[in-house]
Amino acid sequence: MTDDRSLERAARSWLEEGPSQAPDRAVEAALLRVETTSQERDLRIPWRLPKMNPMMRLGTIAFVAVVAIGGTLYVFRPAQFGGPSTTASPTGSPLPSTAPASLEGTWETTFTRQEMLAAGIADAAEDDPSNYGHFKLAISAGLVLTVHLDGPQDTSAGRYVARGGTFTSTTLAGETFSWSYAVSSTTLTFAGNGPVTLRAKPWTRVAPASIEGTWETSFTRDEMLAAGIVPGEDDASNYGHFTLAIHDGGSVLTQLDGPKLTGRAACVVHGSSFTSASTNGEVFTWSFTATDTTLTFQGGPVTLRVKPWTRIGP
C-alpha cells in the first residue's frame, strides 16, 4: 500500500526538475500509484430489509417513495432571489371582543308629571313633585345616588346589586326595590314594577365633569379647626394628607397618614354642586370652584373644604 511519503516524493521530483522539462513522467507515476492503491473497508455489513409482514413492507416502501419525491421537489424548486418570501395569507382575522356596556357612571333624565303618569305609578303616593322633573343618577362601586335637580331637590341613596338583567336597590331605611334594565354605551332604560322615577323615561349617559381626576391636599388639626367644624368632626381621620379621586359617578377619599382610612361614595356633579353618598348612606353636598389645577370646596363636612386641592393626575 502506498503511503503519503511516496506521493510526496513523486510530486517533489517533478517540481525539482524545473519548468523546462515536461511533467508527464512524474505525474503519470503519481497517478499510477494512486490508481493501483488497494482500498480497505473497515466493516462489511450487508444492508437488507428487516423481516416484516407484507403490509408493513408495503408501508415502508411507500414511505421511502414519498420521502424521495419530496426531496426531489425540494431540490428542483425555483430559487428565490431578492424580496421577502411569500407566506400563506390568513384565512380570517378574529373579530375584536366587545366588552358589555357598563351600568356604572352618571346618567341624566327629565320628564313631566304627565309622562310619569303615562309610565304608570304604583299608588297615589307616587304622584308627587319629588318623583318627576330633572334628575341625575350616579351608579358606582355598589352604591347608587339619585339627585333631584329641580323642584324639591331631594336626594336618595342606597346600595345596589345588578344581576341577570335585574337592578335591585336597598335604601338606608332598608327598603328594597327591583327593576329590569337594559344598558348601552349611551342609554340606560329601566322597566318593571319598581318606583316610577327610574323607569318613566330612558337615562342618557353624562360626559365626564371638569373636576374629574385625582386631587391632593394636606392640612393640620389646627387648620381644620380654623376652617370650622361641627360636633364629631374633631377626629384624626379628618386631618392630615389626603387624595381625592373623582371618576365616572364615584369618588374615593384616601388618607395617606394618621389612621389611613379610605372612603368610597357615589357622587353627582351638577353646575357648581358636588353631592356625595357614602357607603353608610349619608348624603352631603358642597359647592365648589375649580380651575385646571385647583379645586376648592365650600360647605359640607370639613375634610373637603379645609384647604384647596391640587390636581395630581387624571
Protein backbone atom coordinates (compact mmCIF):
# COMPACT_ATOMS: atom_id res chain seq x y z
CA MET A 1 0.00 0.00 0.00
CA THR A 2 1.41 3.39 -0.99
CA ASP A 3 1.82 5.85 1.86
CA ASP A 4 1.67 9.62 1.74
CA ARG A 5 5.50 9.95 1.56
CA SER A 6 5.64 8.05 -1.76
CA LEU A 7 3.16 10.53 -3.28
CA GLU A 8 5.10 13.43 -1.81
CA ARG A 9 8.43 12.19 -3.30
CA ALA A 10 6.85 11.72 -6.73
CA ALA A 11 5.38 15.23 -6.73
CA ARG A 12 8.70 16.74 -5.49
CA SER A 13 10.67 15.05 -8.27
CA TRP A 14 8.51 16.82 -10.83
CA LEU A 15 8.77 20.19 -9.14
CA GLU A 16 12.58 19.99 -8.71
CA GLU A 17 13.24 19.14 -12.38
CA GLY A 18 12.17 22.68 -13.40
CA PRO A 19 9.73 24.14 -15.90
CA SER A 20 11.90 23.27 -18.95
CA GLN A 21 11.11 19.62 -18.62
CA ALA A 22 7.70 18.12 -19.27
CA PRO A 23 5.98 16.91 -16.05
CA ASP A 24 4.26 13.92 -17.66
CA ARG A 25 6.57 11.23 -16.24
CA ALA A 26 6.29 12.34 -12.62
CA VAL A 27 2.52 12.97 -12.82
CA GLU A 28 1.81 9.67 -14.52
CA ALA A 29 3.90 7.88 -11.90
CA ALA A 30 1.90 9.55 -9.11
CA LEU A 31 -1.44 8.80 -10.75
CA LEU A 32 -0.41 5.20 -11.38
CA ARG A 33 0.40 4.77 -7.71
CA VAL A 34 -2.94 6.22 -6.67
CA GLU A 35 -4.99 4.14 -9.09
CA THR A 36 -3.34 0.92 -8.03
CA THR A 37 -3.71 1.58 -4.31
CA SER A 38 -5.87 -1.13 -2.77
CA GLN A 39 -8.84 0.04 -0.67
CA GLU A 40 -9.89 -1.39 2.60
CA ARG A 41 -13.30 -1.30 4.21
CA ASP A 42 -13.43 -1.21 7.96
CA LEU A 43 -16.73 -3.01 8.23
CA ARG A 44 -18.76 -5.10 5.80
CA ILE A 45 -22.41 -5.24 6.83
CA PRO A 46 -24.87 -6.26 4.11
CA TRP A 47 -27.94 -3.95 4.05
CA ARG A 48 -31.27 -5.67 3.94
CA LEU A 49 -34.82 -5.05 4.96
CA PRO A 50 -35.72 -6.44 8.34
CA LYS A 51 -38.22 -9.22 8.41
CA MET A 52 -41.72 -7.78 8.43
CA ASN A 53 -45.18 -8.73 7.30
CA PRO A 54 -46.29 -7.73 3.78
CA MET A 55 -48.40 -4.78 4.96
CA MET A 56 -45.51 -3.29 6.93
CA ARG A 57 -43.16 -3.84 4.00
CA LEU A 58 -45.59 -2.11 1.64
CA GLY A 59 -45.95 0.80 4.04
CA THR A 60 -42.18 1.14 4.36
CA ILE A 61 -41.73 1.20 0.57
CA ALA A 62 -44.46 3.83 0.21
CA PHE A 63 -42.84 5.99 2.89
CA VAL A 64 -39.46 5.80 1.15
CA ALA A 65 -41.11 6.78 -2.14
CA VAL A 66 -42.79 9.81 -0.56
CA VAL A 67 -39.54 10.95 1.01
CA ALA A 68 -37.72 10.56 -2.32
CA ILE A 69 -40.36 12.55 -4.23
CA GLY A 70 -40.41 15.26 -1.57
CA GLY A 71 -36.63 15.55 -1.69
CA THR A 72 -36.71 15.85 -5.46
CA LEU A 73 -39.28 18.63 -5.34
CA TYR A 74 -37.21 20.46 -2.71
CA VAL A 75 -34.00 20.25 -4.74
CA PHE A 76 -35.57 21.34 -8.02
CA ARG A 77 -37.89 24.06 -6.69
CA PRO A 78 -37.29 27.52 -8.25
CA ALA A 79 -34.72 29.59 -6.40
CA GLN A 80 -35.84 32.84 -4.83
CA PHE A 81 -33.75 35.90 -5.40
CA GLY A 82 -34.43 39.14 -3.52
CA GLY A 83 -37.59 40.21 -1.79
CA PRO A 84 -39.30 38.57 1.13
CA SER A 85 -40.55 35.05 0.95
CA THR A 86 -44.26 34.68 0.41
CA THR A 87 -46.37 33.44 3.26
CA ALA A 88 -49.83 32.00 3.24
CA SER A 89 -52.46 34.63 3.78
CA PRO A 90 -54.56 34.11 6.89
CA THR A 91 -57.93 32.55 6.33
CA GLY A 92 -59.54 35.18 8.50
CA SER A 93 -58.82 37.53 11.41
CA PRO A 94 -60.66 37.05 14.71
CA LEU A 95 -63.36 39.58 15.48
CA PRO A 96 -62.42 42.04 18.24
CA SER A 97 -64.10 41.24 21.51
CA THR A 98 -66.61 43.82 22.66
CA ALA A 99 -66.98 44.34 26.39
CA PRO A 100 -70.56 44.74 27.60
CA ALA A 101 -71.66 48.30 28.29
CA SER A 102 -71.09 49.36 31.87
CA LEU A 103 -74.02 50.19 34.10
CA GLU A 104 -71.78 52.37 36.26
CA GLY A 105 -71.38 56.06 35.60
CA THR A 106 -73.51 59.20 35.75
CA TRP A 107 -76.88 59.32 33.97
CA GLU A 108 -79.47 62.05 33.41
CA THR A 109 -83.15 62.28 32.52
CA THR A 110 -86.02 64.78 32.52
CA PHE A 111 -89.75 64.07 32.39
CA THR A 112 -93.02 65.78 33.23
CA ARG A 113 -95.80 64.75 35.56
CA GLN A 114 -97.87 63.66 32.55
CA GLU A 115 -95.01 61.43 31.31
CA MET A 116 -94.65 59.97 34.80
CA LEU A 117 -98.38 59.16 34.96
CA ALA A 118 -98.26 57.63 31.48
CA ALA A 119 -95.48 55.30 32.64
CA GLY A 120 -97.81 54.04 35.40
CA ILE A 121 -97.48 54.68 39.10
CA ALA A 122 -97.69 52.03 41.80
CA ASP A 123 -100.05 54.02 44.02
CA ALA A 124 -101.36 57.53 44.51
CA ALA A 125 -98.45 58.41 46.80
CA GLU A 126 -96.10 58.38 43.79
CA ASP A 127 -97.97 61.30 42.23
CA ASP A 128 -95.65 63.74 43.98
CA PRO A 129 -93.40 66.57 42.69
CA SER A 130 -90.34 64.74 44.06
CA ASN A 131 -90.89 61.97 41.50
CA TYR A 132 -90.81 63.99 38.29
CA GLY A 133 -88.55 66.71 36.85
CA HIS A 134 -84.82 66.78 36.16
CA PHE A 135 -82.66 64.04 37.73
CA LYS A 136 -79.11 62.76 37.78
CA LEU A 137 -78.28 59.20 38.78
CA ALA A 138 -74.83 58.03 39.90
CA ILE A 139 -74.04 54.30 39.99
CA SER A 140 -70.61 53.33 41.29
CA ALA A 141 -68.94 50.55 43.28
CA GLY A 142 -72.18 49.07 44.61
CA LEU A 143 -73.63 52.48 45.53
CA VAL A 144 -76.48 54.38 43.90
CA LEU A 145 -77.39 58.06 44.31
CA THR A 146 -80.32 59.93 42.78
CA VAL A 147 -80.32 63.75 42.88
CA HIS A 148 -83.42 65.79 42.01
CA LEU A 149 -82.07 68.94 40.35
CA ASP A 150 -85.28 71.00 40.35
CA GLY A 151 -88.49 71.09 42.34
CA PRO A 152 -87.96 69.82 45.89
CA GLN A 153 -84.35 68.88 45.02
CA ASP A 154 -84.48 65.68 47.05
CA THR A 155 -81.75 63.05 47.16
CA SER A 156 -81.95 59.33 47.75
CA ALA A 157 -79.14 56.84 48.17
CA GLY A 158 -78.51 53.20 48.87
CA ARG A 159 -76.70 50.08 47.74
CA TYR A 160 -77.44 48.15 44.59
CA VAL A 161 -76.92 44.76 43.00
CA ALA A 162 -77.25 44.20 39.25
CA ARG A 163 -77.59 40.58 38.18
CA GLY A 164 -79.19 38.87 35.21
CA GLY A 165 -80.87 41.99 33.86
CA THR A 166 -82.33 42.92 37.26
CA PHE A 167 -81.30 46.01 39.21
CA THR A 168 -82.06 45.83 42.95
CA SER A 169 -81.60 48.83 45.24
CA THR A 170 -81.74 48.89 49.05
CA THR A 171 -82.17 52.24 50.76
CA LEU A 172 -80.62 53.33 54.06
CA ALA A 173 -84.03 52.69 55.63
CA GLY A 174 -83.89 49.09 54.47
CA GLU A 175 -86.48 49.33 51.67
CA THR A 176 -85.68 47.13 48.67
CA PHE A 177 -86.92 47.75 45.12
CA SER A 178 -86.20 45.97 41.83
CA TRP A 179 -86.37 46.91 38.14
CA SER A 180 -85.40 45.14 34.96
CA TYR A 181 -82.95 47.13 32.88
CA ALA A 182 -81.15 47.38 29.55
CA VAL A 183 -77.95 49.35 29.05
CA SER A 184 -75.88 50.53 26.10
CA SER A 185 -72.87 52.82 25.95
CA THR A 186 -75.18 55.86 25.90
CA THR A 187 -78.59 54.82 27.27
CA LEU A 188 -79.94 53.13 30.40
CA THR A 189 -83.59 52.03 30.47
CA PHE A 190 -85.48 50.66 33.48
CA ALA A 191 -88.76 48.75 33.38
CA GLY A 192 -90.93 46.64 35.63
CA ASN A 193 -92.84 47.49 38.77
CA GLY A 194 -90.18 49.41 40.72
CA PRO A 195 -90.69 53.05 41.70
CA VAL A 196 -91.63 55.25 38.77
CA THR A 197 -88.75 57.74 38.90
CA LEU A 198 -86.20 55.36 37.38
CA ARG A 199 -88.49 53.94 34.71
CA ALA A 200 -90.50 56.96 33.47
CA LYS A 201 -88.02 57.70 30.65
CA PRO A 202 -84.63 56.38 29.47
CA TRP A 203 -81.49 57.84 31.03
CA THR A 204 -78.63 59.30 28.98
CA ARG A 205 -75.01 58.88 29.99
CA VAL A 206 -73.40 62.15 31.11
CA ALA A 207 -69.98 63.22 29.84
CA PRO A 208 -67.19 63.42 32.46
CA ALA A 209 -67.34 66.53 34.62
CA SER A 210 -64.48 69.04 34.55
CA ILE A 211 -63.46 68.19 38.11
CA GLU A 212 -62.97 64.50 37.38
CA GLY A 213 -59.41 63.46 38.14
CA THR A 214 -57.13 62.87 41.11
CA TRP A 215 -56.51 65.65 43.65
CA GLU A 216 -54.32 66.10 46.72
CA THR A 217 -54.26 68.24 49.86
CA SER A 218 -52.66 68.30 53.31
CA PHE A 219 -53.55 70.20 56.48
CA THR A 220 -53.06 70.09 60.24
CA ARG A 221 -55.58 69.74 63.04
CA ASP A 222 -55.23 73.46 63.78
CA GLU A 223 -56.02 74.32 60.17
CA MET A 224 -59.03 72.03 60.32
CA LEU A 225 -60.32 73.69 63.49
CA ALA A 226 -59.80 77.12 61.94
CA ALA A 227 -61.97 76.10 58.98
CA GLY A 228 -64.86 75.40 61.36
CA ILE A 229 -66.18 72.03 62.41
CA VAL A 230 -69.40 70.52 63.67
CA PRO A 231 -69.58 68.18 66.68
CA GLY A 232 -67.88 64.88 66.00
CA GLU A 233 -65.52 66.19 63.29
CA ASP A 234 -62.54 66.79 65.62
CA ASP A 235 -61.12 63.39 64.79
CA ALA A 236 -57.73 62.20 63.49
CA SER A 237 -59.44 60.75 60.40
CA ASN A 238 -60.43 64.28 59.30
CA TYR A 239 -57.00 65.92 59.02
CA GLY A 240 -53.63 65.02 57.51
CA HIS A 241 -52.57 64.13 53.96
CA PHE A 242 -55.34 63.12 51.51
CA THR A 243 -56.02 62.27 47.89
CA LEU A 244 -59.45 62.52 46.28
CA ALA A 245 -60.21 60.62 43.08
CA ILE A 246 -63.41 61.54 41.22
CA HIS A 247 -64.26 59.30 38.29
CA ASP A 248 -67.34 58.06 36.46
CA GLY A 249 -70.01 58.65 39.08
CA GLY A 250 -67.86 57.71 42.06
CA SER A 251 -65.25 59.15 44.40
CA VAL A 252 -62.53 57.69 46.62
CA LEU A 253 -61.11 59.71 49.54
CA THR A 254 -57.83 58.22 50.82
CA GLN A 255 -55.96 59.33 53.94
CA LEU A 256 -52.21 58.78 53.44
CA ASP A 257 -51.19 59.23 57.07
CA GLY A 258 -52.76 59.00 60.51
CA PRO A 259 -55.48 56.33 60.60
CA LYS A 260 -55.08 55.91 56.81
CA LEU A 261 -58.77 55.45 56.17
CA THR A 262 -60.44 55.18 52.76
CA GLY A 263 -63.96 56.36 51.99
CA ARG A 264 -65.91 55.44 48.85
CA ALA A 265 -69.02 57.19 47.59
CA ALA A 266 -71.32 57.63 44.63
CA CYS A 267 -71.26 61.27 43.54
CA VAL A 268 -73.12 63.64 41.26
CA VAL A 269 -71.60 66.81 39.85
CA HIS A 270 -74.05 69.41 38.59
CA GLY A 271 -73.13 73.00 37.90
CA SER A 272 -71.08 74.09 40.90
CA SER A 273 -72.52 71.45 43.27
CA PHE A 274 -70.90 68.21 44.35
CA THR A 275 -73.19 65.67 46.06
CA SER A 276 -71.79 62.51 47.60
CA ALA A 277 -73.44 59.41 49.12
CA SER A 278 -71.15 57.31 51.31
CA THR A 279 -71.27 53.59 51.99
CA ASN A 280 -73.36 54.15 55.12
CA GLY A 281 -75.97 56.01 53.06
CA GLU A 282 -75.19 59.53 54.30
CA VAL A 283 -75.60 62.20 51.63
CA PHE A 284 -73.70 65.53 51.70
CA THR A 285 -73.44 68.43 49.28
CA TRP A 286 -70.66 71.00 48.78
CA SER A 287 -70.39 73.91 46.39
CA PHE A 288 -67.07 74.20 44.57
CA THR A 289 -64.91 76.30 42.30
CA ALA A 290 -62.32 74.75 40.04
CA THR A 291 -59.54 75.54 37.60
CA ASP A 292 -57.41 73.10 35.64
CA THR A 293 -55.09 72.74 38.63
CA THR A 294 -57.05 73.70 41.76
CA LEU A 295 -60.32 72.55 43.35
CA THR A 296 -61.88 74.38 46.30
CA PHE A 297 -64.95 73.24 48.25
CA GLN A 298 -67.30 75.23 50.46
CA GLY A 299 -69.97 73.90 52.81
CA GLY A 300 -70.39 70.24 53.75
CA PRO A 301 -68.12 68.15 56.00
CA VAL A 302 -64.80 69.71 56.90
CA THR A 303 -62.31 67.34 55.24
CA LEU A 304 -63.02 68.52 51.70
CA ARG A 305 -63.17 72.25 52.48
CA VAL A 306 -60.21 72.95 54.82
CA LYS A 307 -57.72 73.77 52.08
CA PRO A 308 -57.73 73.83 48.26
CA TRP A 309 -56.92 70.62 46.40
CA THR A 310 -54.21 70.40 43.73
CA ARG A 311 -54.65 68.19 40.66
CA ILE A 312 -52.02 65.44 40.55
CA GLY A 313 -53.34 63.17 37.83
CA PRO A 314 -56.22 62.04 35.67
